[in-house]
Amino acid sequence: MTQAARKIRELPAPRPDDYLGPGRVVRVGPREIEVEIRGGERVAAQMALAFPYAPEVDDVLLVIGRDDEHYVIGVLRGTGKASLSFQGAVDLRAQGGPLTLTSDQGVAIRSPAVAIEAGKLQMFAGSVVQKFTSLYQRVRDAMDLRAGTARTVVDEQSYLTAKNASIVTQETMAINGREIHLG
């Protein structure tokens, strides 16, 4: 018999008061939670997950326990918040395949500065709202805009500078101003 097999045989046998199964959260405290197990029995349990998780009432967690000591070792059905926090720089990378972030509620990025570098950037959305204090755009080759309707409102002054410029309309062209200077 191998040494590993001997150690397994030496493990204490489960006792009737041992527990491994679901626990429904009934109270969340600052250091431990109270869960309902075995058809209504309430026990205090400590979080023992590999990642920080803030459980909510009615979450169903995987609980393991012996005597009066119970620990949460998994989340079976949760609505609480899981968070990953690291000290220092963090590099999240997918090698050999795409990195996908998915949420059925939304994705938010908060930072004092965000940089995006891409060989090709594609965006698809039903609508886009952008709000800036200042916006600077530089396009080296061509900028093409195609729209059903376009409207530009400038509160102060507007300038258009080009080597050549044309305005072509199929129907009506209106210019409305107190003074119009040509040439």
Protein backbone atom coordinates (compact mmCIF):
# COMPACT_ATOMS: atom_id res chain seq x y z
CA MET A 1 0.00 0.00 0.00
CA THR A 2 1.36 3.42 -0.92
CA GLN A 3 1.98 6.11 1.65
CA ALA A 4 -0.77 8.28 0.11
CA ALA A 5 -3.28 5.41 0.38
CA ARG A 6 -2.29 4.88 4.04
CA LYS A 7 -2.91 8.57 4.77
CA ILE A 8 -6.37 8.39 3.18
CA ARG A 9 -7.23 5.36 5.31
CA GLU A 10 -6.07 7.30 8.40
CA LEU A 11 -8.43 10.20 7.77
CA PRO A 12 -11.25 10.32 10.29
CA ALA A 13 -14.53 8.92 9.03
CA PRO A 14 -17.36 11.42 8.53
CA ARG A 15 -19.57 11.87 11.55
CA PRO A 16 -23.35 12.37 11.49
CA ASP A 17 -22.95 16.05 12.44
CA ASP A 18 -20.50 16.74 9.56
CA TYR A 19 -22.01 18.78 6.75
CA LEU A 20 -21.23 19.37 3.10
CA GLY A 21 -24.00 20.92 1.03
CA PRO A 22 -25.99 24.02 0.19
CA GLY A 23 -26.63 26.79 2.69
CA ARG A 24 -29.06 29.67 2.13
CA VAL A 25 -27.85 33.01 3.50
CA VAL A 26 -30.28 34.40 6.09
CA ARG A 27 -28.05 37.09 7.66
CA VAL A 28 -24.85 38.85 6.64
CA GLY A 29 -22.58 40.09 9.41
CA PRO A 30 -19.27 41.94 9.30
CA ARG A 31 -17.13 38.83 10.03
CA GLU A 32 -19.41 35.89 9.39
CA ILE A 33 -22.73 35.02 7.87
CA GLU A 34 -25.66 32.95 9.04
CA VAL A 35 -26.82 30.19 6.71
CA GLU A 36 -29.73 27.80 6.80
CA ILE A 37 -28.75 24.15 6.25
CA ARG A 38 -30.40 20.73 6.70
CA GLY A 39 -34.02 21.81 6.41
CA GLY A 40 -33.94 24.87 8.64
CA GLU A 41 -30.94 24.54 10.97
CA ARG A 42 -29.15 27.89 11.20
CA VAL A 43 -25.40 28.04 11.67
CA ALA A 44 -22.72 30.72 11.59
CA ALA A 45 -20.20 30.30 8.75
CA GLN A 46 -16.98 32.03 7.81
CA MET A 47 -16.15 32.89 4.21
CA ALA A 48 -13.30 30.67 2.97
CA LEU A 49 -13.34 31.33 -0.77
CA ALA A 50 -10.25 31.81 -2.92
CA PHE A 51 -11.62 35.22 -4.00
CA PRO A 52 -13.39 38.02 -2.11
CA TYR A 53 -17.17 37.64 -2.28
CA ALA A 54 -19.78 39.75 -0.46
CA PRO A 55 -22.82 37.46 -0.07
CA GLU A 56 -26.40 38.71 -0.07
CA VAL A 57 -29.43 37.34 1.78
CA ASP A 58 -30.94 34.37 -0.15
CA ASP A 59 -27.66 33.48 -1.90
CA VAL A 60 -27.10 29.72 -1.95
CA LEU A 61 -23.55 28.84 -0.93
CA LEU A 62 -21.61 25.60 -0.61
CA VAL A 63 -20.98 25.04 3.10
CA ILE A 64 -18.72 22.55 4.82
CA GLY A 65 -18.78 22.05 8.57
CA ARG A 66 -18.04 19.94 11.61
CA ASP A 67 -19.51 20.55 15.05
CA ASP A 68 -19.87 24.33 15.43
CA GLU A 69 -17.36 25.30 12.73
CA HIS A 70 -18.76 25.97 9.26
CA TYR A 71 -17.05 27.49 6.24
CA VAL A 72 -18.29 28.74 2.87
CA ILE A 73 -16.22 27.08 0.13
CA GLY A 74 -18.29 27.91 -2.95
CA VAL A 75 -21.10 29.94 -4.48
CA LEU A 76 -23.92 27.86 -5.98
CA ARG A 77 -26.34 30.70 -6.78
CA GLY A 78 -25.33 34.21 -5.83
CA THR A 79 -26.30 37.83 -6.30
CA GLY A 80 -23.51 39.29 -4.18
CA LYS A 81 -20.41 41.02 -5.46
CA ALA A 82 -17.18 39.22 -6.27
CA SER A 83 -14.09 41.36 -6.56
CA LEU A 84 -10.50 40.91 -7.56
CA SER A 85 -8.03 43.45 -6.22
CA PHE A 86 -4.27 43.43 -6.70
CA GLN A 87 -1.42 45.60 -5.43
CA GLY A 88 0.85 47.08 -8.11
CA ALA A 89 0.64 46.66 -11.87
CA VAL A 90 -1.61 43.93 -13.29
CA ASP A 91 -1.40 42.37 -16.75
CA LEU A 92 -4.46 40.46 -17.96
CA ARG A 93 -3.58 38.51 -21.09
CA ALA A 94 -5.06 35.83 -23.33
CA GLN A 95 -2.39 33.99 -25.32
CA GLY A 96 -3.48 32.12 -28.43
CA GLY A 97 -7.07 33.35 -28.34
CA PRO A 98 -9.34 36.35 -27.78
CA LEU A 99 -10.04 37.98 -24.42
CA THR A 100 -13.77 38.52 -23.96
CA LEU A 101 -15.50 40.50 -21.21
CA THR A 102 -19.24 39.82 -21.07
CA SER A 103 -22.01 41.06 -18.82
CA ASP A 104 -25.79 40.98 -19.10
CA GLN A 105 -25.97 44.25 -17.11
CA GLY A 106 -23.13 46.45 -18.42
CA VAL A 107 -19.38 46.98 -18.41
CA ALA A 108 -17.82 50.05 -16.76
CA ILE A 109 -14.22 51.23 -16.92
CA ARG A 110 -13.10 53.90 -14.43
CA SER A 111 -9.61 55.36 -14.43
CA PRO A 112 -7.88 58.73 -14.53
CA ALA A 113 -6.48 57.70 -17.94
CA VAL A 114 -7.40 55.00 -20.48
CA ALA A 115 -5.28 54.11 -23.52
CA ILE A 116 -6.45 51.85 -26.35
CA GLU A 117 -4.00 50.61 -28.97
CA ALA A 118 -5.30 48.48 -31.81
CA GLY A 119 -4.43 47.63 -35.39
CA LYS A 120 -8.16 47.80 -36.12
CA LEU A 121 -10.92 49.14 -33.87
CA GLN A 122 -14.55 48.23 -34.57
CA MET A 123 -17.51 49.54 -32.59
CA PHE A 124 -21.13 48.45 -33.03
CA ALA A 125 -23.91 50.02 -30.96
CA GLY A 126 -27.58 50.91 -31.19
CA SER A 127 -26.73 54.43 -30.03
CA VAL A 128 -23.65 56.27 -28.76
CA VAL A 129 -23.53 59.25 -26.42
CA GLN A 130 -20.20 61.02 -26.00
CA LYS A 131 -19.58 63.95 -23.63
CA PHE A 132 -16.19 65.67 -23.48
CA THR A 133 -14.73 68.85 -22.07
CA SER A 134 -12.45 68.97 -25.12
CA LEU A 135 -12.13 66.63 -28.11
CA TYR A 136 -9.16 66.52 -30.47
CA GLN A 137 -9.23 64.21 -33.47
CA ARG A 138 -6.50 63.70 -36.05
CA VAL A 139 -7.04 61.51 -39.12
CA ARG A 140 -4.00 61.01 -41.36
CA ASP A 141 -5.68 59.72 -44.55
CA ALA A 142 -9.45 59.93 -45.03
CA MET A 143 -12.41 60.68 -42.78
CA ASP A 144 -15.75 59.61 -44.20
CA LEU A 145 -19.12 60.29 -42.54
CA ARG A 146 -22.37 58.89 -43.89
CA ALA A 147 -25.57 59.75 -42.00
CA GLY A 148 -29.31 59.87 -42.58
CA THR A 149 -29.31 63.37 -41.05
CA ALA A 150 -26.39 65.42 -39.72
CA ARG A 151 -26.66 68.45 -37.47
CA THR A 152 -23.87 70.53 -35.97
CA VAL A 153 -24.56 73.19 -33.34
CA VAL A 154 -21.68 75.43 -32.24
CA ASP A 155 -22.35 77.93 -29.42
CA GLU A 156 -19.54 80.35 -30.30
CA GLN A 157 -17.48 80.35 -33.52
CA SER A 158 -16.98 77.69 -36.18
CA TYR A 159 -14.16 77.57 -38.74
CA LEU A 160 -13.67 75.32 -41.74
CA THR A 161 -10.29 75.44 -43.44
CA ALA A 162 -9.55 73.36 -46.51
CA LYS A 163 -7.44 73.50 -49.66
CA ASN A 164 -10.63 72.89 -51.68
CA ALA A 165 -14.23 72.70 -50.44
CA SER A 166 -17.56 71.98 -52.10
CA ILE A 167 -21.16 71.98 -50.94
CA VAL A 168 -23.44 69.98 -53.24
CA THR A 169 -27.20 69.70 -52.72
CA GLN A 170 -29.82 67.97 -54.83
CA GLU A 171 -32.56 70.37 -53.77
CA THR A 172 -32.53 73.50 -51.59
CA MET A 173 -29.50 75.33 -50.18
CA ALA A 174 -30.08 78.04 -47.58
CA ILE A 175 -27.55 80.48 -46.14
CA ASN A 176 -28.92 82.67 -43.37
CA GLY A 177 -26.87 85.38 -41.70
CA ARG A 178 -26.82 89.13 -41.03
CA GLU A 179 -23.72 89.53 -43.17
CA ILE A 180 -22.26 87.24 -45.80
CA HIS A 181 -18.70 87.96 -46.94
CA LEU A 182 -17.51 86.35 -50.17
CA GLY A 183 -13.93 86.40 -51.42
